[in-house]
Amino acid sequence: MDRIDSLKVFIRVAEAGSFTAAAEGLGLPRASVSLAVQQLEARLGARLLHRTTRSVQPTPDGAALLERARQIVADMAEVEEGFQRAPARLRGHLRVDLPSRVARRIVAPALPGFFAQHPEVTLELRSTDRAIDLVQEGVDCVLRVGPLASSSLVARPLGHFTLINCASPAYLARHGTPRAAEDLAAHWAVDYAPPAANRPAPWEIAGATPLTVPSRVATNHVETYIACALAGLGLIQIPAYDVREHLAAGELVEVMPGARPAPMPVHVLYPHRRHLSARLQGFIDWLGAELVPHLD
């Protein structure tokens, strides 16, 4: 049994939690399945499975190998299909990290359409809202909003999110409507501190020096940030797509449209690979198309 076949056997045993069930699913003798796993453990020098009379469970080393093995097997299937005449179908597992609001508001509602097109792809959708090590955490790609730090990752630009200034009608009724940057000293802002930052972001106007606006409340969560604005606690700066429904309903009002912040760039990042897997390329293309209505 070659190494790819050994990984296939290991995956089936780990997923089934049973050597007998895995053997039945693979159409192999149970002894052959057990031997394949033993040889894989000997080759790697690590115990991959906890075996009891009732079940079989991956060890920590086995759990780490399971994710890599799934990707290796899927990649090999794509290589083999690449030499066939018929176009390869997307298949395999993807781990993707997205900002939580983008995941909830844009991507998750559109996923049924993606799976209808690609029924053999499985997806682990993460929302960390922080910088991560893609290679170490086994993530295939991330979507990031804002300026990028220098890295060895490949960055594919998708466009920009328009940022606007807004407040609730109740706030504006109490404090008046600011018309220009010099009016902000007499107003309140809701401060937002991104999860990766140690301090609230300053108030920004494209082409101007960032300002500090008085504030009585700060948060590091976008949902809470918007909720504070809806409660009349102050002005916020937010991507327009994030509050589109609130603007349409009159629950928030854009102010100072001539003093918007600079648009925020949006990129997909992934580790450098000479041959990008078909499933990852397909997902990135799909994600870019879903974001188009929300981007400049």
Protein backbone atom coordinates (compact mmCIF):
# COMPACT_ATOMS: atom_id res chain seq x y z
CA MET A 1 0.00 0.00 0.00
CA ASP A 2 1.51 3.35 -1.02
CA ARG A 3 1.67 6.40 1.22
CA ILE A 4 -1.37 8.15 -0.24
CA ASP A 5 -3.45 4.99 0.23
CA SER A 6 -2.16 4.72 3.82
CA LEU A 7 -3.35 8.28 4.47
CA LYS A 8 -6.74 7.44 2.97
CA VAL A 9 -7.04 4.49 5.33
CA PHE A 10 -6.00 6.58 8.32
CA ILE A 11 -8.56 9.27 7.44
CA ARG A 12 -11.35 6.72 7.13
CA VAL A 13 -10.48 5.08 10.49
CA ALA A 14 -10.25 8.46 12.26
CA GLU A 15 -13.56 9.64 10.82
CA ALA A 16 -15.39 6.36 11.43
CA GLY A 17 -13.92 5.85 14.90
CA SER A 18 -13.61 2.16 14.12
CA PHE A 19 -11.25 -0.14 12.23
CA THR A 20 -14.14 -2.45 11.36
CA ALA A 21 -16.35 0.32 9.96
CA ALA A 22 -13.41 1.77 8.01
CA ALA A 23 -12.60 -1.65 6.54
CA GLU A 24 -16.21 -2.14 5.45
CA GLY A 25 -16.32 1.31 3.85
CA LEU A 26 -13.06 0.73 2.00
CA GLY A 27 -13.86 -2.83 1.01
CA LEU A 28 -10.68 -4.14 2.65
CA PRO A 29 -9.97 -6.81 5.28
CA ARG A 30 -9.84 -5.38 8.80
CA ALA A 31 -6.32 -6.79 9.19
CA SER A 32 -5.15 -4.80 6.14
CA VAL A 33 -6.58 -1.59 7.56
CA SER A 34 -4.95 -2.17 10.94
CA LEU A 35 -1.61 -2.99 9.30
CA ALA A 36 -1.75 0.15 7.14
CA VAL A 37 -2.21 2.36 10.21
CA GLN A 38 0.55 0.55 12.11
CA GLN A 39 2.97 1.03 9.21
CA LEU A 40 2.04 4.72 8.97
CA GLU A 41 2.68 5.17 12.70
CA ALA A 42 6.03 3.37 12.38
CA ARG A 43 7.03 5.53 9.41
CA LEU A 44 6.14 8.77 11.23
CA GLY A 45 7.42 7.65 14.62
CA ALA A 46 4.23 8.77 16.38
CA ARG A 47 1.13 7.13 17.78
CA LEU A 48 -1.80 8.44 15.75
CA LEU A 49 -4.80 6.69 17.30
CA HIS A 50 -6.01 5.85 20.81
CA ARG A 51 -7.47 2.33 20.59
CA THR A 52 -10.01 1.09 23.14
CA THR A 53 -12.51 -1.75 23.08
CA ARG A 54 -15.30 0.73 22.32
CA SER A 55 -13.82 3.31 19.98
CA VAL A 56 -10.81 4.68 18.17
CA GLN A 57 -9.90 8.35 18.59
CA PRO A 58 -7.03 10.43 17.13
CA THR A 59 -4.19 11.35 19.46
CA PRO A 60 -3.00 14.99 19.38
CA ASP A 61 -0.47 13.94 16.72
CA GLY A 62 -3.20 12.09 14.88
CA ALA A 63 -5.53 15.10 14.94
CA ALA A 64 -2.77 17.29 13.51
CA LEU A 65 -2.05 14.74 10.77
CA LEU A 66 -5.76 14.35 9.96
CA GLU A 67 -6.10 17.92 8.69
CA ARG A 68 -2.90 17.68 6.64
CA ALA A 69 -3.82 14.24 5.32
CA ARG A 70 -7.20 15.44 4.06
CA GLN A 71 -5.50 18.25 2.17
CA ILE A 72 -2.78 15.98 0.75
CA VAL A 73 -5.32 13.42 -0.47
CA ALA A 74 -7.51 16.13 -2.00
CA ASP A 75 -4.51 17.76 -3.69
CA MET A 76 -3.45 14.41 -5.15
CA ALA A 77 -6.93 13.85 -6.52
CA GLU A 78 -6.78 17.25 -8.22
CA VAL A 79 -3.38 16.44 -9.75
CA GLU A 80 -4.73 13.19 -11.15
CA GLU A 81 -7.85 14.85 -12.49
CA GLY A 82 -5.75 17.56 -14.12
CA PHE A 83 -4.51 14.97 -16.62
CA GLN A 84 -7.98 13.81 -17.51
CA ARG A 85 -9.91 15.28 -20.40
CA ALA A 86 -12.99 16.24 -18.42
CA PRO A 87 -12.70 19.42 -16.30
CA ALA A 88 -11.86 18.65 -12.70
CA ARG A 89 -14.63 19.14 -10.17
CA LEU A 90 -13.73 21.10 -7.06
CA ARG A 91 -13.38 18.84 -4.08
CA GLY A 92 -11.66 18.72 -0.73
CA HIS A 93 -11.55 20.72 2.49
CA LEU A 94 -10.85 24.44 2.89
CA ARG A 95 -10.07 26.44 6.01
CA VAL A 96 -10.86 30.13 5.54
CA ASP A 97 -10.56 33.05 7.96
CA LEU A 98 -12.84 36.09 7.43
CA PRO A 99 -13.71 39.21 9.43
CA SER A 100 -16.76 38.28 11.49
CA ARG A 101 -19.10 40.88 9.95
CA VAL A 102 -18.14 39.90 6.40
CA ALA A 103 -18.64 36.23 7.30
CA ARG A 104 -22.05 36.81 8.87
CA ARG A 105 -23.51 39.44 6.56
CA ILE A 106 -22.10 38.51 3.15
CA VAL A 107 -20.47 35.09 2.98
CA ALA A 108 -22.68 32.83 5.14
CA PRO A 109 -25.94 33.84 3.41
CA ALA A 110 -24.37 33.14 -0.01
CA LEU A 111 -22.83 29.75 0.87
CA PRO A 112 -25.82 27.64 -0.24
CA GLY A 113 -25.14 28.84 -3.78
CA PHE A 114 -21.44 27.93 -3.48
CA PHE A 115 -22.22 24.41 -2.24
CA ALA A 116 -24.84 23.96 -4.97
CA GLN A 117 -22.05 24.61 -7.50
CA HIS A 118 -19.38 22.64 -5.63
CA PRO A 119 -21.03 19.87 -3.58
CA GLU A 120 -17.76 18.01 -2.96
CA VAL A 121 -16.07 20.93 -1.14
CA THR A 122 -16.25 21.20 2.63
CA LEU A 123 -15.50 24.46 4.40
CA GLU A 124 -14.29 25.47 7.84
CA LEU A 125 -15.23 29.13 8.24
CA ARG A 126 -13.27 30.95 10.96
CA SER A 127 -13.60 34.52 12.20
CA THR A 128 -10.66 35.55 14.36
CA ASP A 129 -10.51 39.30 13.50
CA ARG A 130 -6.77 39.20 14.24
CA ALA A 131 -3.52 38.50 12.47
CA ILE A 132 -2.83 34.76 12.21
CA ASP A 133 -0.04 32.54 10.94
CA LEU A 134 -1.68 30.79 7.99
CA VAL A 135 0.89 28.03 7.72
CA GLN A 136 1.06 27.26 11.43
CA GLU A 137 -2.73 27.27 11.86
CA GLY A 138 -3.39 25.37 8.64
CA VAL A 139 -5.54 28.11 7.07
CA ASP A 140 -5.80 28.19 3.28
CA CYS A 141 -6.65 31.88 2.91
CA VAL A 142 -7.77 34.94 4.85
CA LEU A 143 -9.74 38.04 3.91
CA ARG A 144 -8.30 41.21 5.39
CA VAL A 145 -9.67 44.74 5.40
CA GLY A 146 -7.31 47.71 5.77
CA PRO A 147 -3.61 48.33 5.12
CA LEU A 148 -1.48 45.19 5.01
CA ALA A 149 1.63 44.54 7.03
CA SER A 150 4.67 43.30 5.16
CA SER A 151 4.69 39.52 4.83
CA SER A 152 5.62 36.67 2.52
CA LEU A 153 1.96 35.96 1.79
CA VAL A 154 0.46 36.43 -1.65
CA ALA A 155 -2.05 39.31 -1.54
CA ARG A 156 -4.82 39.48 -4.15
CA PRO A 157 -6.60 42.87 -4.12
CA LEU A 158 -10.39 42.73 -4.44
CA GLY A 159 -11.35 46.39 -4.11
CA HIS A 160 -12.19 48.88 -1.35
CA PHE A 161 -14.91 49.32 1.25
CA THR A 162 -16.38 52.83 1.37
CA LEU A 163 -16.27 54.29 4.88
CA ILE A 164 -18.84 56.81 6.08
CA ASN A 165 -19.53 58.94 9.14
CA CYS A 166 -22.93 58.43 10.71
CA ALA A 167 -25.06 58.87 13.83
CA SER A 168 -28.60 58.23 14.97
CA PRO A 169 -31.37 60.84 14.45
CA ALA A 170 -31.77 61.01 18.24
CA TYR A 171 -28.10 61.93 18.70
CA LEU A 172 -28.27 64.59 15.98
CA ALA A 173 -31.46 66.04 17.49
CA ARG A 174 -29.68 66.50 20.84
CA HIS A 175 -26.26 67.64 19.63
CA GLY A 176 -26.81 69.05 16.16
CA THR A 177 -25.35 67.84 12.88
CA PRO A 178 -21.60 68.34 12.30
CA ARG A 179 -20.87 69.86 8.90
CA ALA A 180 -17.04 69.83 8.88
CA ALA A 181 -14.06 68.54 10.86
CA GLU A 182 -13.87 71.67 13.01
CA ASP A 183 -17.34 70.90 14.39
CA LEU A 184 -16.24 67.57 15.90
CA ALA A 185 -14.75 69.12 19.05
CA ALA A 186 -18.31 69.82 20.20
CA HIS A 187 -19.48 66.25 19.56
CA TRP A 188 -19.16 62.76 20.99
CA ALA A 189 -17.76 59.74 19.17
CA VAL A 190 -18.04 56.05 19.94
CA ASP A 191 -14.45 54.80 20.01
CA TYR A 192 -13.53 51.55 18.29
CA ALA A 193 -10.38 49.65 19.21
CA PRO A 194 -9.68 46.80 16.76
CA PRO A 195 -8.88 43.47 18.48
CA ALA A 196 -5.25 43.68 17.37
CA ALA A 197 -4.80 47.29 18.59
CA ASN A 198 -4.01 48.60 22.06
CA ARG A 199 -5.87 51.89 21.68
CA PRO A 200 -8.95 53.27 19.93
CA ALA A 201 -8.58 54.23 16.29
CA PRO A 202 -8.51 58.02 15.72
CA TRP A 203 -11.17 59.84 13.73
CA GLU A 204 -9.97 59.93 10.14
CA ILE A 205 -10.67 62.20 7.19
CA ALA A 206 -9.13 61.41 3.80
CA GLY A 207 -6.12 63.59 3.15
CA ALA A 208 -6.14 65.17 6.63
CA THR A 209 -4.40 64.59 9.94
CA PRO A 210 -6.33 62.11 12.17
CA LEU A 211 -8.38 63.75 14.94
CA THR A 212 -9.27 62.88 18.49
CA VAL A 213 -12.99 63.30 19.14
CA PRO A 214 -14.36 63.30 22.72
CA SER A 215 -15.76 59.90 23.71
CA ARG A 216 -17.57 58.33 26.64
CA VAL A 217 -17.64 54.73 25.43
CA ALA A 218 -15.22 52.47 23.58
CA THR A 219 -15.59 48.92 22.27
CA ASN A 220 -13.55 46.33 20.39
CA HIS A 221 -16.59 44.63 18.82
CA VAL A 222 -18.25 45.90 15.65
CA GLU A 223 -21.75 44.74 16.63
CA THR A 224 -21.46 46.70 19.88
CA TYR A 225 -19.98 49.68 18.02
CA ILE A 226 -23.05 49.91 15.78
CA ALA A 227 -25.40 49.28 18.72
CA CYS A 228 -23.88 52.24 20.57
CA ALA A 229 -24.49 54.49 17.57
CA LEU A 230 -28.10 53.26 17.31
CA ALA A 231 -28.51 54.07 21.01
CA GLY A 232 -27.49 57.67 20.34
CA LEU A 233 -24.15 57.55 22.15
CA GLY A 234 -22.15 59.26 19.40
CA LEU A 235 -20.77 59.36 15.89
CA ILE A 236 -19.12 56.36 14.26
CA GLN A 237 -17.03 55.65 11.16
CA ILE A 238 -18.07 52.40 9.53
CA PRO A 239 -18.04 50.61 6.15
CA ALA A 240 -21.21 51.63 4.32
CA TYR A 241 -22.23 48.01 3.63
CA ASP A 242 -22.22 47.33 7.39
CA VAL A 243 -25.04 49.81 8.10
CA ARG A 244 -26.89 49.88 4.78
CA GLU A 245 -30.13 48.58 6.29
CA HIS A 246 -29.94 51.04 9.18
CA LEU A 247 -29.44 53.93 6.75
CA ALA A 248 -32.36 52.77 4.58
CA ALA A 249 -34.60 52.49 7.65
CA GLY A 250 -33.61 55.95 8.91
CA GLU A 251 -32.09 54.50 12.08
CA LEU A 252 -28.72 56.03 11.18
CA VAL A 253 -27.91 59.10 9.09
CA GLU A 254 -24.72 59.82 7.18
CA VAL A 255 -23.05 63.09 8.19
CA MET A 256 -20.13 65.03 6.71
CA PRO A 257 -20.22 63.15 3.36
CA GLY A 258 -17.46 65.47 2.12
CA ALA A 259 -15.19 64.42 4.99
CA ARG A 260 -15.25 60.66 4.71
CA PRO A 261 -12.26 58.53 5.71
CA ALA A 262 -10.15 57.02 2.95
CA PRO A 263 -11.67 53.78 1.59
CA MET A 264 -10.30 50.59 3.15
CA PRO A 265 -8.52 48.13 0.83
CA VAL A 266 -9.75 44.53 0.81
CA HIS A 267 -7.38 41.64 0.04
CA VAL A 268 -7.37 37.87 0.02
CA LEU A 269 -4.08 36.51 1.39
CA TYR A 270 -2.74 32.99 0.99
CA PRO A 271 0.65 31.26 1.31
CA HIS A 272 2.83 31.32 -1.78
CA ARG A 273 2.26 28.23 -3.88
CA ARG A 274 3.46 27.65 -7.39
CA HIS A 275 0.28 25.72 -8.21
CA LEU A 276 -2.74 27.05 -6.33
CA SER A 277 -5.23 24.25 -5.68
CA ALA A 278 -8.32 24.33 -7.86
CA ARG A 279 -10.64 24.38 -4.85
CA LEU A 280 -8.86 27.38 -3.30
CA GLN A 281 -8.75 29.25 -6.61
CA GLY A 282 -12.43 28.49 -7.12
CA PHE A 283 -13.35 29.72 -3.65
CA ILE A 284 -11.33 32.93 -4.02
CA ASP A 285 -13.00 33.65 -7.38
CA TRP A 286 -16.43 33.03 -5.85
CA LEU A 287 -15.67 35.19 -2.81
CA GLY A 288 -14.49 38.08 -5.00
CA ALA A 289 -17.71 37.90 -7.03
CA GLU A 290 -19.87 37.91 -3.87
CA LEU A 291 -18.07 41.00 -2.56
CA VAL A 292 -18.39 43.00 -5.80
CA PRO A 293 -21.72 44.69 -4.89
CA HIS A 294 -20.19 45.92 -1.61
CA LEU A 295 -16.87 47.21 -3.00
CA ASP A 296 -15.73 50.34 -4.83
